[in-house]
């Protein structure tokens, strides 16, 4: 029974899903970089990385608050990834610049 569940989870991760997650991460990272005034120093690759890491951070924060985190490719997940990306960039700014923004 366990093997079937794992196989179904693997089958759902096709190339379209991966590309959509990269797109969602890129949008979240790009929006966060604009808000945090780092847009000029980040390229598309870093925006994607920041957005994906932001989705993980946002998901952890949302779970700690008792709410679901990134639930799929939808507006809620974009918002969670955006908030997490802003938190990530604020932490990076704090160490690099000495201020959050």
C-alpha atoms as a PDB file:
ATOM      1  CA  UNK A   1       0.000   0.000   0.000  1.00  0.00           C
ATOM      2  CA  UNK A   2       2.834   2.413   0.876  1.00  0.00           C
ATOM      3  CA  UNK A   3       4.608   1.810  -2.448  1.00  0.00           C
ATOM      4  CA  UNK A   4       1.475   2.757  -4.395  1.00  0.00           C
ATOM      5  CA  UNK A   5       1.201   6.092  -2.539  1.00  0.00           C
ATOM      6  CA  UNK A   6       4.856   6.865  -3.253  1.00  0.00           C
ATOM      7  CA  UNK A   7       4.446   5.937  -6.910  1.00  0.00           C
ATOM      8  CA  UNK A   8       1.395   8.208  -7.259  1.00  0.00           C
ATOM      9  CA  UNK A   9       3.322  11.093  -5.683  1.00  0.00           C
ATOM     10  CA  UNK A  10       6.217  10.570  -8.112  1.00  0.00           C
ATOM     11  CA  UNK A  11       3.915  10.357 -11.136  1.00  0.00           C
ATOM     12  CA  UNK A  12       2.290  13.695 -10.263  1.00  0.00           C
ATOM     13  CA  UNK A  13       5.658  15.466 -10.531  1.00  0.00           C
ATOM     14  CA  UNK A  14       5.901  15.866 -14.288  1.00  0.00           C
ATOM     15  CA  UNK A  15       7.806  18.482 -16.257  1.00  0.00           C
ATOM     16  CA  UNK A  16       4.818  20.851 -16.386  1.00  0.00           C
ATOM     17  CA  UNK A  17       4.442  20.830 -12.607  1.00  0.00           C
ATOM     18  CA  UNK A  18       8.141  21.490 -12.096  1.00  0.00           C
ATOM     19  CA  UNK A  19       8.078  24.370 -14.588  1.00  0.00           C
ATOM     20  CA  UNK A  20       5.020  25.870 -12.897  1.00  0.00           C
ATOM     21  CA  UNK A  21       6.732  25.695  -9.487  1.00  0.00           C
ATOM     22  CA  UNK A  22       9.798  27.404 -10.970  1.00  0.00           C
ATOM     23  CA  UNK A  23       7.532  30.097 -12.442  1.00  0.00           C
ATOM     24  CA  UNK A  24       5.731  30.579  -9.120  1.00  0.00           C
ATOM     25  CA  UNK A  25       9.085  30.787  -7.303  1.00  0.00           C
ATOM     26  CA  UNK A  26      10.390  33.270  -9.856  1.00  0.00           C
ATOM     27  CA  UNK A  27       7.349  35.530  -9.500  1.00  0.00           C
ATOM     28  CA  UNK A  28       7.439  35.395  -5.691  1.00  0.00           C
ATOM     29  CA  UNK A  29      11.188  36.088  -5.621  1.00  0.00           C
ATOM     30  CA  UNK A  30      10.886  38.932  -8.121  1.00  0.00           C
ATOM     31  CA  UNK A  31       8.047  40.616  -6.181  1.00  0.00           C
ATOM     32  CA  UNK A  32       9.960  40.213  -2.911  1.00  0.00           C
ATOM     33  CA  UNK A  33      13.112  41.690  -4.473  1.00  0.00           C
ATOM     34  CA  UNK A  34      11.121  44.745  -5.582  1.00  0.00           C
ATOM     35  CA  UNK A  35       9.623  45.238  -2.109  1.00  0.00           C
ATOM     36  CA  UNK A  36      12.996  44.780  -0.438  1.00  0.00           C
ATOM     37  CA  UNK A  37      14.784  47.042  -2.975  1.00  0.00           C
ATOM     38  CA  UNK A  38      17.132  44.326  -4.252  1.00  0.00           C
ATOM     39  CA  UNK A  39      15.700  44.032  -7.752  1.00  0.00           C
ATOM     40  CA  UNK A  40      18.755  45.520  -9.451  1.00  0.00           C
ATOM     41  CA  UNK A  41      21.187  43.094  -7.839  1.00  0.00           C
ATOM     42  CA  UNK A  42      19.250  39.873  -8.497  1.00  0.00           C
ATOM     43  CA  UNK A  43      18.826  38.045 -11.771  1.00  0.00           C
ATOM     44  CA  UNK A  44      16.110  35.619 -12.786  1.00  0.00           C
ATOM     45  CA  UNK A  45      17.990  32.648 -11.360  1.00  0.00           C
ATOM     46  CA  UNK A  46      18.325  34.234  -7.931  1.00  0.00           C
ATOM     47  CA  UNK A  47      14.664  35.297  -8.026  1.00  0.00           C
ATOM     48  CA  UNK A  48      13.655  31.674  -8.597  1.00  0.00           C
ATOM     49  CA  UNK A  49      15.934  30.429  -5.814  1.00  0.00           C
ATOM     50  CA  UNK A  50      14.721  33.099  -3.377  1.00  0.00           C
ATOM     51  CA  UNK A  51      11.093  32.333  -4.252  1.00  0.00           C
ATOM     52  CA  UNK A  52      11.482  28.579  -3.751  1.00  0.00           C
ATOM     53  CA  UNK A  53      13.363  28.990  -0.468  1.00  0.00           C
ATOM     54  CA  UNK A  54      10.756  31.590   0.477  1.00  0.00           C
ATOM     55  CA  UNK A  55       7.999  29.039  -0.141  1.00  0.00           C
ATOM     56  CA  UNK A  56       9.716  26.667   2.291  1.00  0.00           C
ATOM     57  CA  UNK A  57      10.175  29.411   4.907  1.00  0.00           C
ATOM     58  CA  UNK A  58       6.619  30.646   4.411  1.00  0.00           C
ATOM     59  CA  UNK A  59       5.281  27.097   4.679  1.00  0.00           C
ATOM     60  CA  UNK A  60       7.105  26.540   7.967  1.00  0.00           C
ATOM     61  CA  UNK A  61       5.837  29.848   9.373  1.00  0.00           C
ATOM     62  CA  UNK A  62       2.269  29.106   8.260  1.00  0.00           C
ATOM     63  CA  UNK A  63       2.414  25.626   9.812  1.00  0.00           C
ATOM     64  CA  UNK A  64       3.668  27.118  13.091  1.00  0.00           C
ATOM     65  CA  UNK A  65       0.669  29.468  13.009  1.00  0.00           C
ATOM     66  CA  UNK A  66      -1.642  26.511  12.434  1.00  0.00           C
ATOM     67  CA  UNK A  67      -2.494  27.283   8.815  1.00  0.00           C
ATOM     68  CA  UNK A  68      -1.538  25.288   5.725  1.00  0.00           C
ATOM     69  CA  UNK A  69       1.494  26.520   3.811  1.00  0.00           C
ATOM     70  CA  UNK A  70       1.999  26.155   0.074  1.00  0.00           C
ATOM     71  CA  UNK A  71      -0.920  23.968  -1.002  1.00  0.00           C
ATOM     72  CA  UNK A  72      -0.346  23.774  -4.741  1.00  0.00           C
ATOM     73  CA  UNK A  73       0.023  26.141  -7.631  1.00  0.00           C
ATOM     74  CA  UNK A  74      -2.463  28.848  -6.664  1.00  0.00           C
ATOM     75  CA  UNK A  75      -2.688  32.405  -5.294  1.00  0.00           C
ATOM     76  CA  UNK A  76      -2.379  31.239  -1.682  1.00  0.00           C
ATOM     77  CA  UNK A  77       0.904  29.480  -2.421  1.00  0.00           C
ATOM     78  CA  UNK A  78       2.183  32.563  -4.259  1.00  0.00           C
ATOM     79  CA  UNK A  79       1.364  34.675  -1.202  1.00  0.00           C
ATOM     80  CA  UNK A  80       3.055  32.203   1.163  1.00  0.00           C
ATOM     81  CA  UNK A  81       6.156  32.093  -1.071  1.00  0.00           C
ATOM     82  CA  UNK A  82       6.193  35.900  -1.337  1.00  0.00           C
ATOM     83  CA  UNK A  83       6.015  36.392   2.441  1.00  0.00           C
ATOM     84  CA  UNK A  84       8.727  33.787   2.979  1.00  0.00           C
ATOM     85  CA  UNK A  85      10.916  35.405   0.306  1.00  0.00           C
ATOM     86  CA  UNK A  86      10.517  38.821   1.971  1.00  0.00           C
ATOM     87  CA  UNK A  87      11.568  37.270   5.290  1.00  0.00           C
ATOM     88  CA  UNK A  88      14.576  35.635   3.611  1.00  0.00           C
ATOM     89  CA  UNK A  89      15.669  38.882   1.931  1.00  0.00           C
ATOM     90  CA  UNK A  90      15.167  40.795   5.201  1.00  0.00           C
ATOM     91  CA  UNK A  91      17.511  38.358   6.956  1.00  0.00           C
ATOM     92  CA  UNK A  92      20.070  38.644   4.137  1.00  0.00           C
ATOM     93  CA  UNK A  93      19.846  42.457   4.213  1.00  0.00           C
ATOM     94  CA  UNK A  94      20.286  42.462   7.974  1.00  0.00           C
ATOM     95  CA  UNK A  95      23.615  40.634   7.680  1.00  0.00           C
ATOM     96  CA  UNK A  96      24.874  42.413   4.541  1.00  0.00           C
ATOM     97  CA  UNK A  97      23.681  45.977   5.083  1.00  0.00           C
ATOM     98  CA  UNK A  98      23.028  46.120   8.800  1.00  0.00           C
ATOM     99  CA  UNK A  99      19.369  47.011   8.254  1.00  0.00           C
ATOM    100  CA  UNK A 100      16.296  45.086   7.152  1.00  0.00           C
ATOM    101  CA  UNK A 101      15.675  47.253   4.094  1.00  0.00           C
END
